[in-house]
Amino acid sequence: TDLPSFARAFAGDSSRAIQREEWADT
């Protein structure tokens, strides 16, 4: 809802994001 209209038209009413982190060490 906080996106500009041009971006909201692209993203939709909500957007799914999958964040993946792989930490090899500290």
mmCIF file of all heavy atoms, coordinates in Angstrom:
data_MODEL
# 
_entry.id   MODEL 
# 
loop_
_atom_site.group_PDB 
_atom_site.id 
_atom_site.type_symbol 
_atom_site.label_atom_id 
_atom_site.label_alt_id 
_atom_site.label_comp_id 
_atom_site.label_asym_id 
_atom_site.label_entity_id 
_atom_site.label_seq_id 
_atom_site.pdbx_PDB_ins_code 
_atom_site.Cartn_x 
_atom_site.Cartn_y 
_atom_site.Cartn_z 
_atom_site.occupancy 
_atom_site.B_iso_or_equiv 
_atom_site.pdbx_formal_charge 
_atom_site.auth_seq_id 
_atom_site.auth_comp_id 
_atom_site.auth_asym_id 
_atom_site.auth_atom_id 
_atom_site.pdbx_PDB_model_num 
ATOM 1   N N   . THR A 1 1  ? 0.810  -1.219  0.000   1.00 0.00 ? 1  THR A N   1 
ATOM 2   C CA  . THR A 1 1  ? 0.000  0.000   0.000   1.00 0.00 ? 1  THR A CA  1 
ATOM 3   C C   . THR A 1 1  ? 0.844  1.271   0.000   1.00 0.00 ? 1  THR A C   1 
ATOM 4   O O   . THR A 1 1  ? 0.363  2.324   -0.405  1.00 0.00 ? 1  THR A O   1 
ATOM 5   C CB  . THR A 1 1  ? -0.943 0.024   1.225   1.00 0.00 ? 1  THR A CB  1 
ATOM 6   O OG1 . THR A 1 1  ? -0.175 -0.219  2.409   1.00 0.00 ? 1  THR A OG1 1 
ATOM 7   C CG2 . THR A 1 1  ? -2.020 -1.041  1.094   1.00 0.00 ? 1  THR A CG2 1 
ATOM 8   N N   . ASP A 1 2  ? 2.115  1.189   0.426   1.00 0.00 ? 2  ASP A N   1 
ATOM 9   C CA  . ASP A 1 2  ? 2.965  2.374   0.468   1.00 0.00 ? 2  ASP A CA  1 
ATOM 10  C C   . ASP A 1 2  ? 3.744  2.594   -0.828  1.00 0.00 ? 2  ASP A C   1 
ATOM 11  O O   . ASP A 1 2  ? 4.488  3.566   -0.949  1.00 0.00 ? 2  ASP A O   1 
ATOM 12  C CB  . ASP A 1 2  ? 3.927  2.293   1.645   1.00 0.00 ? 2  ASP A CB  1 
ATOM 13  C CG  . ASP A 1 2  ? 4.874  1.111   1.541   1.00 0.00 ? 2  ASP A CG  1 
ATOM 14  O OD1 . ASP A 1 2  ? 4.529  0.121   0.866   1.00 0.00 ? 2  ASP A OD1 1 
ATOM 15  O OD2 . ASP A 1 2  ? 5.965  1.165   2.150   1.00 0.00 ? 2  ASP A OD2 1 
ATOM 16  N N   . LEU A 1 3  ? 3.569  1.724   -1.814  1.00 0.00 ? 3  LEU A N   1 
ATOM 17  C CA  . LEU A 1 3  ? 4.283  1.863   -3.080  1.00 0.00 ? 3  LEU A CA  1 
ATOM 18  C C   . LEU A 1 3  ? 3.591  2.872   -3.988  1.00 0.00 ? 3  LEU A C   1 
ATOM 19  O O   . LEU A 1 3  ? 2.369  3.020   -3.957  1.00 0.00 ? 3  LEU A O   1 
ATOM 20  C CB  . LEU A 1 3  ? 4.345  0.516   -3.810  1.00 0.00 ? 3  LEU A CB  1 
ATOM 21  C CG  . LEU A 1 3  ? 5.130  -0.610  -3.142  1.00 0.00 ? 3  LEU A CG  1 
ATOM 22  C CD1 . LEU A 1 3  ? 5.030  -1.880  -3.980  1.00 0.00 ? 3  LEU A CD1 1 
ATOM 23  C CD2 . LEU A 1 3  ? 6.585  -0.207  -2.939  1.00 0.00 ? 3  LEU A CD2 1 
ATOM 24  N N   . PRO A 1 4  ? 4.373  3.543   -4.840  1.00 0.00 ? 4  PRO A N   1 
ATOM 25  C CA  . PRO A 1 4  ? 3.751  4.410   -5.846  1.00 0.00 ? 4  PRO A CA  1 
ATOM 26  C C   . PRO A 1 4  ? 2.873  3.585   -6.781  1.00 0.00 ? 4  PRO A C   1 
ATOM 27  O O   . PRO A 1 4  ? 3.086  2.374   -6.938  1.00 0.00 ? 4  PRO A O   1 
ATOM 28  C CB  . PRO A 1 4  ? 4.945  4.994   -6.614  1.00 0.00 ? 4  PRO A CB  1 
ATOM 29  C CG  . PRO A 1 4  ? 6.152  4.667   -5.825  1.00 0.00 ? 4  PRO A CG  1 
ATOM 30  C CD  . PRO A 1 4  ? 5.815  3.546   -4.902  1.00 0.00 ? 4  PRO A CD  1 
ATOM 31  N N   . SER A 1 5  ? 1.904  4.223   -7.420  1.00 0.00 ? 5  SER A N   1 
ATOM 32  C CA  . SER A 1 5  ? 0.936  3.482   -8.236  1.00 0.00 ? 5  SER A CA  1 
ATOM 33  C C   . SER A 1 5  ? 1.589  2.673   -9.353  1.00 0.00 ? 5  SER A C   1 
ATOM 34  O O   . SER A 1 5  ? 1.160  1.549   -9.625  1.00 0.00 ? 5  SER A O   1 
ATOM 35  C CB  . SER A 1 5  ? -0.112 4.430   -8.811  1.00 0.00 ? 5  SER A CB  1 
ATOM 36  O OG  . SER A 1 5  ? 0.514  5.419   -9.602  1.00 0.00 ? 5  SER A OG  1 
ATOM 37  N N   . PHE A 1 6  ? 2.651  3.194   -9.997  1.00 0.00 ? 6  PHE A N   1 
ATOM 38  C CA  . PHE A 1 6  ? 3.285  2.432   -11.074 1.00 0.00 ? 6  PHE A CA  1 
ATOM 39  C C   . PHE A 1 6  ? 3.887  1.129   -10.546 1.00 0.00 ? 6  PHE A C   1 
ATOM 40  O O   . PHE A 1 6  ? 3.865  0.103   -11.219 1.00 0.00 ? 6  PHE A O   1 
ATOM 41  C CB  . PHE A 1 6  ? 4.352  3.264   -11.815 1.00 0.00 ? 6  PHE A CB  1 
ATOM 42  C CG  . PHE A 1 6  ? 5.665  3.371   -11.104 1.00 0.00 ? 6  PHE A CG  1 
ATOM 43  C CD1 . PHE A 1 6  ? 6.680  2.449   -11.364 1.00 0.00 ? 6  PHE A CD1 1 
ATOM 44  C CD2 . PHE A 1 6  ? 5.915  4.380   -10.195 1.00 0.00 ? 6  PHE A CD2 1 
ATOM 45  C CE1 . PHE A 1 6  ? 7.907  2.544   -10.712 1.00 0.00 ? 6  PHE A CE1 1 
ATOM 46  C CE2 . PHE A 1 6  ? 7.127  4.485   -9.537  1.00 0.00 ? 6  PHE A CE2 1 
ATOM 47  C CZ  . PHE A 1 6  ? 8.129  3.559   -9.805  1.00 0.00 ? 6  PHE A CZ  1 
ATOM 48  N N   . ALA A 1 7  ? 4.402  1.147   -9.332  1.00 0.00 ? 7  ALA A N   1 
ATOM 49  C CA  . ALA A 1 7  ? 5.003  -0.052  -8.731  1.00 0.00 ? 7  ALA A CA  1 
ATOM 50  C C   . ALA A 1 7  ? 3.926  -0.980  -8.177  1.00 0.00 ? 7  ALA A C   1 
ATOM 51  O O   . ALA A 1 7  ? 4.057  -2.195  -8.245  1.00 0.00 ? 7  ALA A O   1 
ATOM 52  C CB  . ALA A 1 7  ? 5.984  0.340   -7.642  1.00 0.00 ? 7  ALA A CB  1 
ATOM 53  N N   . ARG A 1 8  ? 2.872  -0.414  -7.620  1.00 0.00 ? 8  ARG A N   1 
ATOM 54  C CA  . ARG A 1 8  ? 1.786  -1.228  -7.062  1.00 0.00 ? 8  ARG A CA  1 
ATOM 55  C C   . ARG A 1 8  ? 1.088  -2.010  -8.173  1.00 0.00 ? 8  ARG A C   1 
ATOM 56  O O   . ARG A 1 8  ? 0.697  -3.151  -7.992  1.00 0.00 ? 8  ARG A O   1 
ATOM 57  C CB  . ARG A 1 8  ? 0.811  -0.361  -6.280  1.00 0.00 ? 8  ARG A CB  1 
ATOM 58  C CG  . ARG A 1 8  ? 0.009  -1.126  -5.270  1.00 0.00 ? 8  ARG A CG  1 
ATOM 59  C CD  . ARG A 1 8  ? -0.788 -0.276  -4.296  1.00 0.00 ? 8  ARG A CD  1 
ATOM 60  N NE  . ARG A 1 8  ? -1.393 0.914   -4.837  1.00 0.00 ? 8  ARG A NE  1 
ATOM 61  C CZ  . ARG A 1 8  ? -0.961 2.157   -4.587  1.00 0.00 ? 8  ARG A CZ  1 
ATOM 62  N NH1 . ARG A 1 8  ? 0.076  2.361   -3.812  1.00 0.00 ? 8  ARG A NH1 1 
ATOM 63  N NH2 . ARG A 1 8  ? -1.583 3.203   -5.107  1.00 0.00 ? 8  ARG A NH2 1 
ATOM 64  N N   . ALA A 1 9  ? 0.974  -1.399  -9.355  1.00 0.00 ? 9  ALA A N   1 
ATOM 65  C CA  . ALA A 1 9  ? 0.380  -2.094  -10.492 1.00 0.00 ? 9  ALA A CA  1 
ATOM 66  C C   . ALA A 1 9  ? 1.223  -3.319  -10.868 1.00 0.00 ? 9  ALA A C   1 
ATOM 67  O O   . ALA A 1 9  ? 0.699  -4.358  -11.246 1.00 0.00 ? 9  ALA A O   1 
ATOM 68  C CB  . ALA A 1 9  ? 0.273  -1.152  -11.683 1.00 0.00 ? 9  ALA A CB  1 
ATOM 69  N N   . PHE A 1 10 ? 2.513  -3.209  -10.686 1.00 0.00 ? 10 PHE A N   1 
ATOM 70  C CA  . PHE A 1 10 ? 3.426  -4.310  -10.980 1.00 0.00 ? 10 PHE A CA  1 
ATOM 71  C C   . PHE A 1 10 ? 3.413  -5.349  -9.856  1.00 0.00 ? 10 PHE A C   1 
ATOM 72  O O   . PHE A 1 10 ? 3.386  -6.551  -10.088 1.00 0.00 ? 10 PHE A O   1 
ATOM 73  C CB  . PHE A 1 10 ? 4.846  -3.754  -11.174 1.00 0.00 ? 10 PHE A CB  1 
ATOM 74  C CG  . PHE A 1 10 ? 5.906  -4.795  -11.308 1.00 0.00 ? 10 PHE A CG  1 
ATOM 75  C CD1 . PHE A 1 10 ? 6.067  -5.498  -12.485 1.00 0.00 ? 10 PHE A CD1 1 
ATOM 76  C CD2 . PHE A 1 10 ? 6.761  -5.076  -10.244 1.00 0.00 ? 10 PHE A CD2 1 
ATOM 77  C CE1 . PHE A 1 10 ? 7.043  -6.466  -12.618 1.00 0.00 ? 10 PHE A CE1 1 
ATOM 78  C CE2 . PHE A 1 10 ? 7.744  -6.042  -10.362 1.00 0.00 ? 10 PHE A CE2 1 
ATOM 79  C CZ  . PHE A 1 10 ? 7.885  -6.737  -11.554 1.00 0.00 ? 10 PHE A CZ  1 
ATOM 80  N N   . ALA A 1 11 ? 3.422  -4.878  -8.595  1.00 0.00 ? 11 ALA A N   1 
ATOM 81  C CA  . ALA A 1 11 ? 3.559  -5.765  -7.439  1.00 0.00 ? 11 ALA A CA  1 
ATOM 82  C C   . ALA A 1 11 ? 2.238  -6.423  -7.023  1.00 0.00 ? 11 ALA A C   1 
ATOM 83  O O   . ALA A 1 11 ? 2.254  -7.528  -6.481  1.00 0.00 ? 11 ALA A O   1 
ATOM 84  C CB  . ALA A 1 11 ? 4.130  -4.998  -6.246  1.00 0.00 ? 11 ALA A CB  1 
ATOM 85  N N   . GLY A 1 12 ? 1.125  -5.758  -7.217  1.00 0.00 ? 12 GLY A N   1 
ATOM 86  C CA  . GLY A 1 12 ? -0.145 -6.280  -6.756  1.00 0.00 ? 12 GLY A CA  1 
ATOM 87  C C   . GLY A 1 12 ? -0.500 -5.752  -5.377  1.00 0.00 ? 12 GLY A C   1 
ATOM 88  O O   . GLY A 1 12 ? 0.170  -4.871  -4.840  1.00 0.00 ? 12 GLY A O   1 
ATOM 89  N N   . ASP A 1 13 ? -1.548 -6.318  -4.779  1.00 0.00 ? 13 ASP A N   1 
ATOM 90  C CA  . ASP A 1 13 ? -2.028 -5.856  -3.471  1.00 0.00 ? 13 ASP A CA  1 
ATOM 91  C C   . ASP A 1 13 ? -1.090 -6.254  -2.337  1.00 0.00 ? 13 ASP A C   1 
ATOM 92  O O   . ASP A 1 13 ? -1.076 -5.646  -1.275  1.00 0.00 ? 13 ASP A O   1 
ATOM 93  C CB  . ASP A 1 13 ? -3.421 -6.412  -3.181  1.00 0.00 ? 13 ASP A CB  1 
ATOM 94  C CG  . ASP A 1 13 ? -4.467 -5.847  -4.122  1.00 0.00 ? 13 ASP A CG  1 
ATOM 95  O OD1 . ASP A 1 13 ? -4.282 -4.708  -4.612  1.00 0.00 ? 13 ASP A OD1 1 
ATOM 96  O OD2 . ASP A 1 13 ? -5.462 -6.547  -4.380  1.00 0.00 ? 13 ASP A OD2 1 
ATOM 97  N N   . SER A 1 14 ? -0.328 -7.313  -2.557  1.00 0.00 ? 14 SER A N   1 
ATOM 98  C CA  . SER A 1 14 ? 0.683  -7.743  -1.602  1.00 0.00 ? 14 SER A CA  1 
ATOM 99  C C   . SER A 1 14 ? 1.787  -8.415  -2.411  1.00 0.00 ? 14 SER A C   1 
ATOM 100 O O   . SER A 1 14 ? 1.605  -8.733  -3.584  1.00 0.00 ? 14 SER A O   1 
ATOM 101 C CB  . SER A 1 14 ? 0.096  -8.720  -0.568  1.00 0.00 ? 14 SER A CB  1 
ATOM 102 O OG  . SER A 1 14 ? -0.388 -9.882  -1.205  1.00 0.00 ? 14 SER A OG  1 
ATOM 103 N N   . SER A 1 15 ? 2.918  -8.592  -1.779  1.00 0.00 ? 15 SER A N   1 
ATOM 104 C CA  . SER A 1 15 ? 4.049  -9.178  -2.477  1.00 0.00 ? 15 SER A CA  1 
ATOM 105 C C   . SER A 1 15 ? 4.715  -10.214 -1.575  1.00 0.00 ? 15 SER A C   1 
ATOM 106 O O   . SER A 1 15 ? 4.962  -9.951  -0.399  1.00 0.00 ? 15 SER A O   1 
ATOM 107 C CB  . SER A 1 15 ? 5.053  -8.082  -2.848  1.00 0.00 ? 15 SER A CB  1 
ATOM 108 O OG  . SER A 1 15 ? 6.119  -8.625  -3.576  1.00 0.00 ? 15 SER A OG  1 
ATOM 109 N N   . ARG A 1 16 ? 4.979  -11.373 -2.141  1.00 0.00 ? 16 ARG A N   1 
ATOM 110 C CA  . ARG A 1 16 ? 5.653  -12.433 -1.391  1.00 0.00 ? 16 ARG A CA  1 
ATOM 111 C C   . ARG A 1 16 ? 7.156  -12.307 -1.611  1.00 0.00 ? 16 ARG A C   1 
ATOM 112 O O   . ARG A 1 16 ? 7.626  -12.123 -2.735  1.00 0.00 ? 16 ARG A O   1 
ATOM 113 C CB  . ARG A 1 16 ? 5.172  -13.795 -1.875  1.00 0.00 ? 16 ARG A CB  1 
ATOM 114 C CG  . ARG A 1 16 ? 5.769  -14.947 -1.121  1.00 0.00 ? 16 ARG A CG  1 
ATOM 115 C CD  . ARG A 1 16 ? 5.162  -16.262 -1.565  1.00 0.00 ? 16 ARG A CD  1 
ATOM 116 N NE  . ARG A 1 16 ? 5.837  -17.372 -0.930  1.00 0.00 ? 16 ARG A NE  1 
ATOM 117 C CZ  . ARG A 1 16 ? 5.997  -18.546 -1.499  1.00 0.00 ? 16 ARG A CZ  1 
ATOM 118 N NH1 . ARG A 1 16 ? 5.497  -18.780 -2.711  1.00 0.00 ? 16 ARG A NH1 1 
ATOM 119 N NH2 . ARG A 1 16 ? 6.632  -19.504 -0.867  1.00 0.00 ? 16 ARG A NH2 1 
ATOM 120 N N   . ALA A 1 17 ? 7.902  -12.389 -0.534  1.00 0.00 ? 17 ALA A N   1 
ATOM 121 C CA  . ALA A 1 17 ? 9.361  -12.356 -0.593  1.00 0.00 ? 17 ALA A CA  1 
ATOM 122 C C   . ALA A 1 17 ? 9.905  -13.519 0.220   1.00 0.00 ? 17 ALA A C   1 
ATOM 123 O O   . ALA A 1 17 ? 9.453  -13.776 1.335   1.00 0.00 ? 17 ALA A O   1 
ATOM 124 C CB  . ALA A 1 17 ? 9.898  -11.039 -0.051  1.00 0.00 ? 17 ALA A CB  1 
ATOM 125 N N   . ILE A 1 18 ? 10.875 -14.212 -0.353  1.00 0.00 ? 18 ILE A N   1 
ATOM 126 C CA  . ILE A 1 18 ? 11.542 -15.308 0.342   1.00 0.00 ? 18 ILE A CA  1 
ATOM 127 C C   . ILE A 1 18 ? 13.001 -14.903 0.503   1.00 0.00 ? 18 ILE A C   1 
ATOM 128 O O   . ILE A 1 18 ? 13.736 -14.767 -0.473  1.00 0.00 ? 18 ILE A O   1 
ATOM 129 C CB  . ILE A 1 18 ? 11.423 -16.632 -0.429  1.00 0.00 ? 18 ILE A CB  1 
ATOM 130 C CG1 . ILE A 1 18 ? 9.948  -16.981 -0.650  1.00 0.00 ? 18 ILE A CG1 1 
ATOM 131 C CG2 . ILE A 1 18 ? 12.150 -17.757 0.335   1.00 0.00 ? 18 ILE A CG2 1 
ATOM 132 C CD1 . ILE A 1 18 ? 9.722  -18.142 -1.590  1.00 0.00 ? 18 ILE A CD1 1 
ATOM 133 N N   . GLN A 1 19 ? 13.391 -14.692 1.741   1.00 0.00 ? 19 GLN A N   1 
ATOM 134 C CA  . GLN A 1 19 ? 14.759 -14.281 2.060   1.00 0.00 ? 19 GLN A CA  1 
ATOM 135 C C   . GLN A 1 19 ? 15.537 -15.525 2.488   1.00 0.00 ? 19 GLN A C   1 
ATOM 136 O O   . GLN A 1 19 ? 15.111 -16.246 3.385   1.00 0.00 ? 19 GLN A O   1 
ATOM 137 C CB  . GLN A 1 19 ? 14.726 -13.259 3.197   1.00 0.00 ? 19 GLN A CB  1 
ATOM 138 C CG  . GLN A 1 19 ? 16.072 -12.792 3.671   1.00 0.00 ? 19 GLN A CG  1 
ATOM 139 C CD  . GLN A 1 19 ? 15.938 -11.705 4.723   1.00 0.00 ? 19 GLN A CD  1 
ATOM 140 O OE1 . GLN A 1 19 ? 15.014 -10.905 4.705   1.00 0.00 ? 19 GLN A OE1 1 
ATOM 141 N NE2 . GLN A 1 19 ? 16.885 -11.677 5.647   1.00 0.00 ? 19 GLN A NE2 1 
ATOM 142 N N   . ARG A 1 20 ? 16.667 -15.750 1.827   1.00 0.00 ? 20 ARG A N   1 
ATOM 143 C CA  . ARG A 1 20 ? 17.526 -16.899 2.155   1.00 0.00 ? 20 ARG A CA  1 
ATOM 144 C C   . ARG A 1 20 ? 18.912 -16.390 2.534   1.00 0.00 ? 20 ARG A C   1 
ATOM 145 O O   . ARG A 1 20 ? 19.511 -15.619 1.790   1.00 0.00 ? 20 ARG A O   1 
ATOM 146 C CB  . ARG A 1 20 ? 17.643 -17.842 0.971   1.00 0.00 ? 20 ARG A CB  1 
ATOM 147 C CG  . ARG A 1 20 ? 16.331 -18.453 0.543   1.00 0.00 ? 20 ARG A CG  1 
ATOM 148 C CD  . ARG A 1 20 ? 16.506 -19.386 -0.664  1.00 0.00 ? 20 ARG A CD  1 
ATOM 149 N NE  . ARG A 1 20 ? 15.231 -19.775 -1.224  1.00 0.00 ? 20 ARG A NE  1 
ATOM 150 C CZ  . ARG A 1 20 ? 14.464 -20.747 -0.759  1.00 0.00 ? 20 ARG A CZ  1 
ATOM 151 N NH1 . ARG A 1 20 ? 14.865 -21.434 0.287   1.00 0.00 ? 20 ARG A NH1 1 
ATOM 152 N NH2 . ARG A 1 20 ? 13.307 -21.036 -1.326  1.00 0.00 ? 20 ARG A NH2 1 
ATOM 153 N N   . GLU A 1 21 ? 19.382 -16.836 3.687   1.00 0.00 ? 21 GLU A N   1 
ATOM 154 C CA  . GLU A 1 21 ? 20.740 -16.513 4.116   1.00 0.00 ? 21 GLU A CA  1 
ATOM 155 C C   . GLU A 1 21 ? 21.475 -17.805 4.417   1.00 0.00 ? 21 GLU A C   1 
ATOM 156 O O   . GLU A 1 21 ? 20.911 -18.716 5.020   1.00 0.00 ? 21 GLU A O   1 
ATOM 157 C CB  . GLU A 1 21 ? 20.721 -15.627 5.369   1.00 0.00 ? 21 GLU A CB  1 
ATOM 158 C CG  . GLU A 1 21 ? 20.111 -14.268 5.137   1.00 0.00 ? 21 GLU A CG  1 
ATOM 159 C CD  . GLU A 1 21 ? 20.058 -13.414 6.395   1.00 0.00 ? 21 GLU A CD  1 
ATOM 160 O OE1 . GLU A 1 21 ? 20.801 -13.703 7.371   1.00 0.00 ? 21 GLU A OE1 1 
ATOM 161 O OE2 . GLU A 1 21 ? 19.266 -12.452 6.413   1.00 0.00 ? 21 GLU A OE2 1 
ATOM 162 N N   . GLU A 1 22 ? 22.711 -17.864 3.969   1.00 0.00 ? 22 GLU A N   1 
ATOM 163 C CA  . GLU A 1 22 ? 23.593 -18.997 4.256   1.00 0.00 ? 22 GLU A CA  1 
ATOM 164 C C   . GLU A 1 22 ? 24.846 -18.438 4.915   1.00 0.00 ? 22 GLU A C   1 
ATOM 165 O O   . GLU A 1 22 ? 25.666 -17.797 4.267   1.00 0.00 ? 22 GLU A O   1 
ATOM 166 C CB  . GLU A 1 22 ? 23.975 -19.746 2.964   1.00 0.00 ? 22 GLU A CB  1 
ATOM 167 C CG  . GLU A 1 22 ? 22.820 -20.430 2.277   1.00 0.00 ? 22 GLU A CG  1 
ATOM 168 C CD  . GLU A 1 22 ? 22.252 -21.600 3.064   1.00 0.00 ? 22 GLU A CD  1 
ATOM 169 O OE1 . GLU A 1 22 ? 22.982 -22.216 3.871   1.00 0.00 ? 22 GLU A OE1 1 
ATOM 170 O OE2 . GLU A 1 22 ? 21.050 -21.888 2.877   1.00 0.00 ? 22 GLU A OE2 1 
ATOM 171 N N   . TRP A 1 23 ? 24.966 -18.664 6.214   1.00 0.00 ? 23 TRP A N   1 
ATOM 172 C CA  . TRP A 1 23 ? 26.117 -18.186 6.976   1.00 0.00 ? 23 TRP A CA  1 
ATOM 173 C C   . TRP A 1 23 ? 27.104 -19.336 7.128   1.00 0.00 ? 23 TRP A C   1 
ATOM 174 O O   . TRP A 1 23 ? 26.809 -20.329 7.775   1.00 0.00 ? 23 TRP A O   1 
ATOM 175 C CB  . TRP A 1 23 ? 25.673 -17.677 8.340   1.00 0.00 ? 23 TRP A CB  1 
ATOM 176 C CG  . TRP A 1 23 ? 24.929 -16.386 8.254   1.00 0.00 ? 23 TRP A CG  1 
ATOM 177 C CD1 . TRP A 1 23 ? 23.668 -16.190 7.773   1.00 0.00 ? 23 TRP A CD1 1 
ATOM 178 C CD2 . TRP A 1 23 ? 25.418 -15.105 8.628   1.00 0.00 ? 23 TRP A CD2 1 
ATOM 179 N NE1 . TRP A 1 23 ? 23.336 -14.861 7.830   1.00 0.00 ? 23 TRP A NE1 1 
ATOM 180 C CE2 . TRP A 1 23 ? 24.390 -14.171 8.364   1.00 0.00 ? 23 TRP A CE2 1 
ATOM 181 C CE3 . TRP A 1 23 ? 26.610 -14.667 9.182   1.00 0.00 ? 23 TRP A CE3 1 
ATOM 182 C CZ2 . TRP A 1 23 ? 24.545 -12.819 8.624   1.00 0.00 ? 23 TRP A CZ2 1 
ATOM 183 C CZ3 . TRP A 1 23 ? 26.751 -13.310 9.449   1.00 0.00 ? 23 TRP A CZ3 1 
ATOM 184 C CH2 . TRP A 1 23 ? 25.732 -12.402 9.171   1.00 0.00 ? 23 TRP A CH2 1 
ATOM 185 N N   . ALA A 1 24 ? 28.301 -19.174 6.557   1.00 0.00 ? 24 ALA A N   1 
ATOM 186 C CA  . ALA A 1 24 ? 29.341 -20.196 6.641   1.00 0.00 ? 24 ALA A CA  1 
ATOM 187 C C   . ALA A 1 24 ? 30.019 -20.182 8.012   1.00 0.00 ? 24 ALA A C   1 
ATOM 188 O O   . ALA A 1 24 ? 30.492 -21.202 8.494   1.00 0.00 ? 24 ALA A O   1 
ATOM 189 C CB  . ALA A 1 24 ? 30.381 -19.981 5.553   1.00 0.00 ? 24 ALA A CB  1 
ATOM 190 N N   . ASP A 1 25 ? 30.043 -19.002 8.625   1.00 0.00 ? 25 ASP A N   1 
ATOM 191 C CA  . ASP A 1 25 ? 30.647 -18.843 9.947   1.00 0.00 ? 25 ASP A CA  1 
ATOM 192 C C   . ASP A 1 25 ? 30.105 -17.556 10.557  1.00 0.00 ? 25 ASP A C   1 
ATOM 193 O O   . ASP A 1 25 ? 29.202 -16.938 10.002  1.00 0.00 ? 25 ASP A O   1 
ATOM 194 C CB  . ASP A 1 25 ? 32.182 -18.849 9.870   1.00 0.00 ? 25 ASP A CB  1 
ATOM 195 C CG  . ASP A 1 25 ? 32.729 -17.763 8.953   1.00 0.00 ? 25 ASP A CG  1 
ATOM 196 O OD1 . ASP A 1 25 ? 32.152 -16.647 8.900   1.00 0.00 ? 25 ASP A OD1 1 
ATOM 197 O OD2 . ASP A 1 25 ? 33.736 -18.016 8.272   1.00 0.00 ? 25 ASP A OD2 1 
ATOM 198 N N   . THR A 1 26 ? 30.695 -17.129 11.676  1.00 0.00 ? 26 THR A N   1 
ATOM 199 C CA  . THR A 1 26 ? 30.170 -15.972 12.399  1.00 0.00 ? 26 THR A CA  1 
ATOM 200 C C   . THR A 1 26 ? 30.536 -14.636 11.757  1.00 0.00 ? 26 THR A C   1 
ATOM 201 O O   . THR A 1 26 ? 30.094 -13.596 12.237  1.00 0.00 ? 26 THR A O   1 
ATOM 202 C CB  . THR A 1 26 ? 30.680 -15.972 13.857  1.00 0.00 ? 26 THR A CB  1 
ATOM 203 O OG1 . THR A 1 26 ? 32.112 -15.931 13.836  1.00 0.00 ? 26 THR A OG1 1 
ATOM 204 C CG2 . THR A 1 26 ? 30.215 -17.200 14.606  1.00 0.00 ? 26 THR A CG2 1 
# 
